[in-house]
Protein backbone atom coordinates (compact mmCIF):
# COMPACT_ATOMS: atom_id res chain seq x y z
CA MET A 1 -60.24 -48.04 -6.69
CA THR A 2 -60.99 -44.43 -5.59
CA ASN A 3 -58.92 -41.98 -7.39
CA LEU A 4 -57.58 -38.90 -5.51
CA SER A 5 -57.69 -35.39 -6.76
CA LYS A 6 -54.46 -33.33 -5.72
CA ALA A 7 -54.53 -30.31 -4.33
CA PRO A 8 -54.30 -27.05 -6.84
CA THR A 9 -50.61 -25.74 -6.98
CA ALA A 10 -49.61 -22.23 -8.08
CA PRO A 11 -47.75 -21.68 -11.46
CA PRO A 12 -44.19 -21.67 -11.50
CA THR A 13 -43.96 -17.72 -12.28
CA THR A 14 -47.01 -16.78 -9.03
CA ARG A 15 -44.40 -18.69 -7.11
CA ARG A 16 -41.36 -16.92 -8.04
CA LYS A 17 -42.78 -13.64 -8.23
CA GLY A 18 -44.00 -14.54 -4.74
CA ILE A 19 -40.90 -15.56 -3.56
CA GLU A 20 -39.16 -12.40 -5.06
CA ALA A 21 -41.90 -10.30 -3.50
CA THR A 22 -40.81 -12.01 0.16
CA ARG A 23 -36.97 -11.10 -0.41
CA ALA A 24 -37.52 -7.10 -1.62
CA ARG A 25 -39.24 -7.11 1.88
CA GLN A 26 -36.32 -8.56 3.65
CA ALA A 27 -33.93 -6.42 1.62
CA ILE A 28 -35.78 -3.44 2.78
CA TRP A 29 -35.94 -4.16 6.03
CA PHE A 30 -32.36 -4.98 6.12
CA LEU A 31 -31.48 -1.20 4.25
CA LEU A 32 -33.84 0.22 6.40
CA PRO A 33 -31.46 1.85 9.06
CA ALA A 34 -28.70 2.12 6.30
CA LEU A 35 -31.51 4.57 4.86
CA ILE A 36 -32.30 5.67 8.53
CA ALA A 37 -28.80 7.15 8.54
CA ILE A 38 -28.29 8.62 5.20
CA ALA A 39 -30.88 10.08 5.85
CA VAL A 40 -30.00 11.97 9.20
CA VAL A 41 -26.70 12.62 8.15
CA ALA A 42 -26.94 13.92 4.71
CA GLY A 43 -30.84 14.69 4.33
CA TYR A 44 -31.84 16.61 7.28
CA PRO A 45 -28.28 18.82 6.37
CA LEU A 46 -29.31 19.31 2.88
CA LEU A 47 -33.00 20.47 3.87
CA ARG A 48 -30.94 23.07 5.90
CA THR A 49 -29.01 24.49 3.03
CA ILE A 50 -32.03 25.07 0.69
CA TYR A 51 -33.76 26.62 3.73
CA PHE A 52 -31.28 28.76 3.87
CA SER A 53 -29.86 29.49 0.25
CA MET A 54 -33.49 30.67 0.42
CA HIS A 55 -32.62 33.82 3.34
CA GLU A 56 -30.31 36.68 4.55
CA ALA A 57 -28.64 34.96 7.42
CA ASN A 58 -24.91 35.77 8.82
CA LEU A 59 -22.90 32.50 9.86
CA THR A 60 -22.35 34.03 13.40
CA SER A 61 -25.82 34.12 14.02
CA PRO A 62 -28.25 31.93 11.79
CA GLU A 63 -30.99 32.23 14.28
CA GLN A 64 -32.00 35.49 12.75
CA ALA A 65 -32.40 34.21 8.70
CA LYS A 66 -34.90 36.46 7.13
CA TYR A 67 -36.23 35.35 3.49
CA VAL A 68 -35.42 36.24 0.82
CA GLY A 69 -36.99 34.35 -1.81
CA PHE A 70 -34.59 33.27 -5.02
CA THR A 71 -32.94 36.72 -4.58
CA ASN A 72 -29.60 34.36 -3.21
CA PHE A 73 -29.23 33.00 -6.58
CA TYR A 74 -30.77 36.18 -8.74
CA GLY A 75 -30.93 39.79 -8.37
CA THR A 76 -30.72 42.43 -5.80
CA GLY A 77 -31.72 42.68 -1.84
CA ASP A 78 -31.91 45.54 0.44
CA GLU A 79 -29.84 44.76 3.52
CA GLY A 80 -26.80 42.37 2.96
CA VAL A 81 -27.23 41.00 -0.16
CA LYS A 82 -25.95 42.86 -3.19
CA PHE A 83 -26.22 40.55 -5.83
CA GLY A 84 -27.57 36.36 -6.58
CA PHE A 85 -23.90 34.80 -7.23
CA LEU A 86 -25.79 33.59 -10.57
CA THR A 87 -25.16 37.46 -11.73
CA ASP A 88 -21.29 37.50 -10.67
CA PRO A 89 -18.83 36.85 -12.76
CA LYS A 90 -16.35 35.51 -10.79
CA TRP A 91 -18.96 32.83 -10.20
CA TRP A 92 -19.20 32.10 -13.86
CA SER A 93 -15.48 32.59 -14.17
CA ALA A 94 -15.61 29.01 -11.04
CA VAL A 95 -17.83 27.27 -13.31
CA LYS A 96 -15.71 27.43 -15.93
CA ASN A 97 -12.33 26.45 -14.56
CA THR A 98 -13.78 23.84 -12.72
CA LEU A 99 -15.48 22.29 -15.32
CA LEU A 100 -12.71 22.36 -17.93
CA PHE A 101 -10.54 20.90 -14.28
CA THR A 102 -13.13 18.11 -14.52
CA VAL A 103 -12.93 17.55 -18.01
CA VAL A 104 -10.01 16.88 -18.55
CA SER A 105 -8.39 15.18 -15.73
CA VAL A 106 -11.15 12.71 -15.47
CA ALA A 107 -10.62 11.94 -19.15
CA LEU A 108 -6.78 11.69 -18.39
CA GLU A 109 -6.81 9.89 -15.63
CA THR A 110 -9.80 7.39 -17.37
CA VAL A 111 -7.12 6.46 -20.35
CA LEU A 112 -3.70 6.23 -17.95
CA GLY A 113 -5.11 4.47 -15.37
CA MET A 114 -6.51 2.02 -17.66
CA VAL A 115 -3.38 1.61 -19.48
CA ILE A 116 -2.03 1.06 -16.28
CA ALA A 117 -4.44 -1.24 -15.31
CA LEU A 118 -3.97 -3.19 -17.71
CA VAL A 119 -0.71 -3.55 -17.56
CA VAL A 120 -1.21 -4.18 -13.37
CA ASN A 121 -3.03 -7.25 -15.00
CA SER A 122 -1.39 -8.94 -17.07
CA ALA A 123 1.30 -11.49 -15.55
CA PHE A 124 4.72 -10.46 -14.59
CA LYS A 125 7.59 -10.79 -12.08
CA GLY A 126 6.57 -7.80 -9.60
CA ARG A 127 3.23 -7.81 -10.19
CA SER A 128 2.04 -7.26 -6.30
CA LEU A 129 5.25 -5.10 -5.89
CA MET A 130 4.39 -2.74 -8.71
CA ARG A 131 0.45 -2.68 -7.59
CA THR A 132 1.63 -1.10 -3.95
CA ALA A 133 3.85 1.31 -4.98
CA MET A 134 1.29 2.90 -7.39
CA LEU A 135 -0.74 3.41 -4.98
CA ILE A 136 1.63 6.07 -3.28
CA PRO A 137 1.26 9.12 -4.92
CA TRP A 138 -2.50 8.51 -4.47
CA ALA A 139 -1.93 7.83 -1.10
CA ILE A 140 -0.24 10.99 -0.21
CA PRO A 141 -2.26 13.99 1.99
CA THR A 142 -3.70 16.22 -0.84
CA VAL A 143 -2.49 19.20 1.15
CA VAL A 144 0.68 17.77 1.39
CA SER A 145 1.10 16.59 -2.31
CA ALA A 146 -0.33 20.30 -3.63
CA GLN A 147 2.49 21.87 -1.12
CA MET A 148 5.25 19.57 -2.97
CA TRP A 149 3.45 20.91 -6.31
CA ALA A 150 4.00 24.00 -5.80
CA TYR A 151 7.61 24.34 -4.48
CA MET A 152 8.39 22.86 -7.58
CA TYR A 153 6.75 25.46 -9.81
CA ASN A 154 7.96 28.40 -7.91
CA ASP A 155 10.24 30.76 -9.95
CA ASN A 156 12.96 31.29 -7.69
CA PHE A 157 14.01 27.72 -7.21
CA GLY A 158 11.60 25.29 -7.83
CA LEU A 159 12.55 22.06 -10.57
CA ILE A 160 9.72 23.19 -13.27
CA GLY A 161 9.38 26.92 -12.37
CA ARG A 162 13.32 27.53 -12.12
CA GLY A 163 14.61 24.55 -13.76
CA LEU A 164 12.31 23.87 -16.99
CA LEU A 165 10.40 27.58 -17.37
CA GLY A 166 13.58 29.89 -17.39
CA GLY A 167 12.45 31.33 -14.35
CA GLN A 168 8.38 31.71 -14.71
CA SER A 169 6.00 30.06 -12.82
CA PRO A 170 3.01 28.46 -14.54
CA LEU A 171 0.68 29.54 -11.19
CA ALA A 172 1.54 33.66 -11.67
CA ASP A 173 -1.30 33.21 -14.51
CA THR A 174 -4.69 32.04 -14.47
CA GLY A 175 -4.54 30.42 -17.32
CA THR A 176 -1.65 28.42 -17.20
CA ALA A 177 -2.42 27.74 -13.71
CA ILE A 178 -5.49 25.51 -13.86
CA TRP A 179 -2.86 23.27 -16.39
CA ALA A 180 -0.76 23.47 -13.62
CA LEU A 181 -3.48 22.10 -11.28
CA ILE A 182 -4.69 19.75 -13.84
CA ALA A 183 -0.92 18.33 -13.90
CA VAL A 184 -0.92 17.91 -10.04
CA ASP A 185 -4.44 15.77 -10.00
CA VAL A 186 -3.96 13.85 -12.69
CA TRP A 187 -0.81 13.21 -11.19
CA LYS A 188 -2.06 12.06 -7.83
CA THR A 189 -5.14 10.16 -8.70
CA THR A 190 -4.18 8.10 -12.30
CA SER A 191 -3.42 5.52 -9.25
CA PHE A 192 -7.05 5.54 -7.98
CA MET A 193 -8.74 5.15 -11.02
CA ALA A 194 -6.32 2.47 -12.14
CA LEU A 195 -7.16 0.70 -9.08
CA LEU A 196 -11.28 0.98 -9.50
CA ILE A 197 -10.24 -0.42 -12.99
CA LEU A 198 -8.45 -3.48 -12.20
CA ALA A 199 -10.94 -4.03 -9.67
CA GLY A 200 -13.40 -4.07 -12.60
CA LEU A 201 -10.84 -6.57 -15.19
CA GLN A 202 -10.13 -8.59 -12.42
CA SER A 203 -13.88 -9.49 -11.92
CA LEU A 204 -14.17 -10.66 -15.85
CA PRO A 205 -14.09 -14.44 -17.07
CA SER A 206 -10.82 -15.66 -17.88
CA ASP A 207 -12.14 -18.46 -19.86
CA MET A 208 -14.30 -15.67 -22.42
CA TYR A 209 -10.70 -14.90 -24.01
CA GLU A 210 -9.05 -18.06 -23.68
CA ALA A 211 -12.36 -18.94 -26.11
CA ALA A 212 -11.89 -15.83 -28.33
CA ASP A 213 -7.89 -16.17 -28.43
CA MET A 214 -9.23 -19.93 -29.30
CA ASP A 215 -11.22 -18.16 -32.57
CA GLY A 216 -7.92 -16.03 -33.83
CA ALA A 217 -9.75 -12.61 -32.52
CA SER A 218 -6.77 -10.53 -32.32
CA LYS A 219 -5.68 -8.46 -28.30
CA TRP A 220 -7.20 -5.19 -29.89
CA THR A 221 -10.78 -6.93 -30.88
CA GLN A 222 -10.99 -8.32 -27.23
CA PHE A 223 -10.17 -5.21 -25.77
CA TRP A 224 -12.71 -3.55 -27.60
CA ARG A 225 -15.44 -5.84 -28.38
CA MET A 226 -15.62 -7.77 -24.78
CA THR A 227 -13.29 -5.49 -22.30
CA LEU A 228 -14.55 -2.20 -23.07
CA PRO A 229 -18.06 -3.78 -23.03
CA LEU A 230 -17.96 -5.76 -19.94
CA LEU A 231 -15.79 -2.76 -17.89
CA ARG A 232 -18.87 -0.39 -18.10
CA PRO A 233 -20.01 -0.75 -14.29
CA ALA A 234 -16.82 -0.67 -13.14
CA LEU A 235 -16.12 2.85 -15.13
CA LEU A 236 -20.03 4.38 -14.44
CA VAL A 237 -18.63 3.60 -10.56
CA ALA A 238 -15.17 5.51 -11.66
CA LEU A 239 -16.83 8.26 -13.69
CA ILE A 240 -18.57 8.90 -10.76
CA PHE A 241 -16.58 9.19 -8.13
CA ARG A 242 -13.59 11.05 -9.91
CA SER A 243 -16.18 13.10 -11.19
CA LEU A 244 -17.92 13.81 -8.15
CA ASP A 245 -14.20 14.36 -6.46
CA ALA A 246 -13.22 16.63 -9.60
CA LEU A 247 -16.35 19.04 -9.31
CA ARG A 248 -15.65 20.04 -5.31
CA VAL A 249 -12.28 20.48 -5.56
CA PHE A 250 -11.20 22.95 -3.16
CA ASP A 251 -8.08 21.75 -1.09
CA VAL A 252 -5.42 21.32 -3.91
CA MET A 253 -6.48 25.24 -5.56
CA TYR A 254 -6.81 26.70 -1.90
CA VAL A 255 -3.04 25.54 -1.52
CA MET A 256 -1.23 26.24 -4.34
CA LEU A 257 -2.97 29.72 -5.48
CA GLY A 258 -4.25 31.10 -2.26
CA PRO A 259 -8.04 31.64 -1.34
CA ASN A 260 -9.26 34.72 -3.42
CA THR A 261 -7.56 32.83 -6.89
CA ALA A 262 -9.41 29.74 -5.46
CA ALA A 263 -12.44 31.12 -5.26
CA GLU A 264 -12.50 31.86 -9.23
CA THR A 265 -10.97 28.67 -9.95
CA SER A 266 -13.65 26.82 -8.11
CA MET A 267 -16.98 26.64 -7.32
CA THR A 268 -16.52 25.15 -3.78
CA GLY A 269 -13.82 27.59 -3.40
CA TYR A 270 -16.57 30.53 -4.09
CA ALA A 271 -19.21 29.16 -1.81
CA ARG A 272 -16.15 29.20 1.31
CA GLN A 273 -15.43 32.87 0.09
CA ALA A 274 -19.01 33.70 0.81
CA MET A 275 -20.05 31.52 4.04
CA ILE A 276 -16.94 31.75 6.24
CA ASP A 277 -14.99 34.71 4.96
CA ASN A 278 -17.75 37.19 4.42
CA SER A 279 -19.76 35.35 6.75
CA GLN A 280 -23.15 35.19 4.19
CA LEU A 281 -24.65 31.81 5.01
CA GLY A 282 -27.60 32.43 2.63
CA LEU A 283 -25.29 32.96 -0.13
CA GLY A 284 -23.07 30.02 0.54
CA SER A 285 -26.08 28.36 0.96
CA ALA A 286 -27.29 28.99 -2.30
CA VAL A 287 -23.97 27.71 -4.13
CA SER A 288 -24.36 24.93 -2.77
CA VAL A 289 -27.52 24.18 -3.30
CA ALA A 290 -26.55 25.12 -7.60
CA ILE A 291 -23.52 22.69 -6.27
CA PHE A 292 -25.46 20.09 -5.42
CA LEU A 293 -27.59 19.86 -8.45
CA LEU A 294 -24.88 20.20 -10.79
CA ILE A 295 -23.76 17.43 -9.57
CA MET A 296 -26.57 15.07 -10.02
CA VAL A 297 -26.83 16.19 -12.98
CA ILE A 298 -23.69 14.79 -14.12
CA VAL A 299 -24.72 11.55 -12.21
CA VAL A 300 -27.62 10.99 -14.70
CA MET A 301 -26.27 11.61 -17.61
CA TYR A 302 -23.21 9.15 -16.54
CA VAL A 303 -25.98 6.61 -15.89
CA THR A 304 -27.58 7.40 -19.24
CA ALA A 305 -24.99 7.45 -21.07
CA PHE A 306 -23.46 3.96 -19.78
CA ARG A 307 -26.86 2.20 -20.09
CA VAL A 308 -25.88 0.13 -16.90
CA LYS A 309 -28.54 -1.96 -14.92
CA PHE A 310 -27.27 -2.59 -11.90
CA ASP A 311 -29.35 -5.65 -10.62
């Protein structure tokens, strides 16, 4: 009886690599339309901003741009560009206040959002109503909530300025104004952080906590040893979203402090004043590039610190 030799088959590892390569090629084709859209919508404006950052240009006549190198960043120009923004104390004041605003507000919102998310994630009567109600501050437009708080901080008729502070508005002084703005941001955005963290909590397996209860682990131990490590991806997304939003803060400062003071407390306000009020397109573009680089560095620091790998 003749033995028929079997055809050689590829090893399992080789077959798996081939399947993964095929899936990767398919994923690229599916992502290609989105990548093209991002390149057109975000990439082209970014390149134009970098281009104008190295030119002296007026907002009303950008076609007459004159190449000045890094003068908009650091140096003294000949015609129109009197300084680079890195030599302006007003810019560094905006950087200091923006970073203070970002660090304190995001930290408070993360801690309070975690507490609220843990409470809302537990089972109790009226949980659905509480989830809806906690989003009301976040749903209010920022301009409306900023004007509402400006009224409350007013030293003549404000509930806080007149009633609690004895006729002294915290917005009158730059040193106290930044803390008043942080309070407004925490009041408005904590619910958004709680919503993102709650989504992460609901994705955690419940049987893991049941096993921990059977082993006698306390709730505090479960939180530090199980909940926080498993929440790292959700926390990373929440922190990136809020930090990006806080670093670009402008509207609440513009409404509550006015355009001039907002330029000293917000990097975006500084860029707006240079580009819109003073029509210096080149200088405003240079500031925008600096803000973009700062945000990129902070995002890289977040990802590195959390050591999260998205599969």
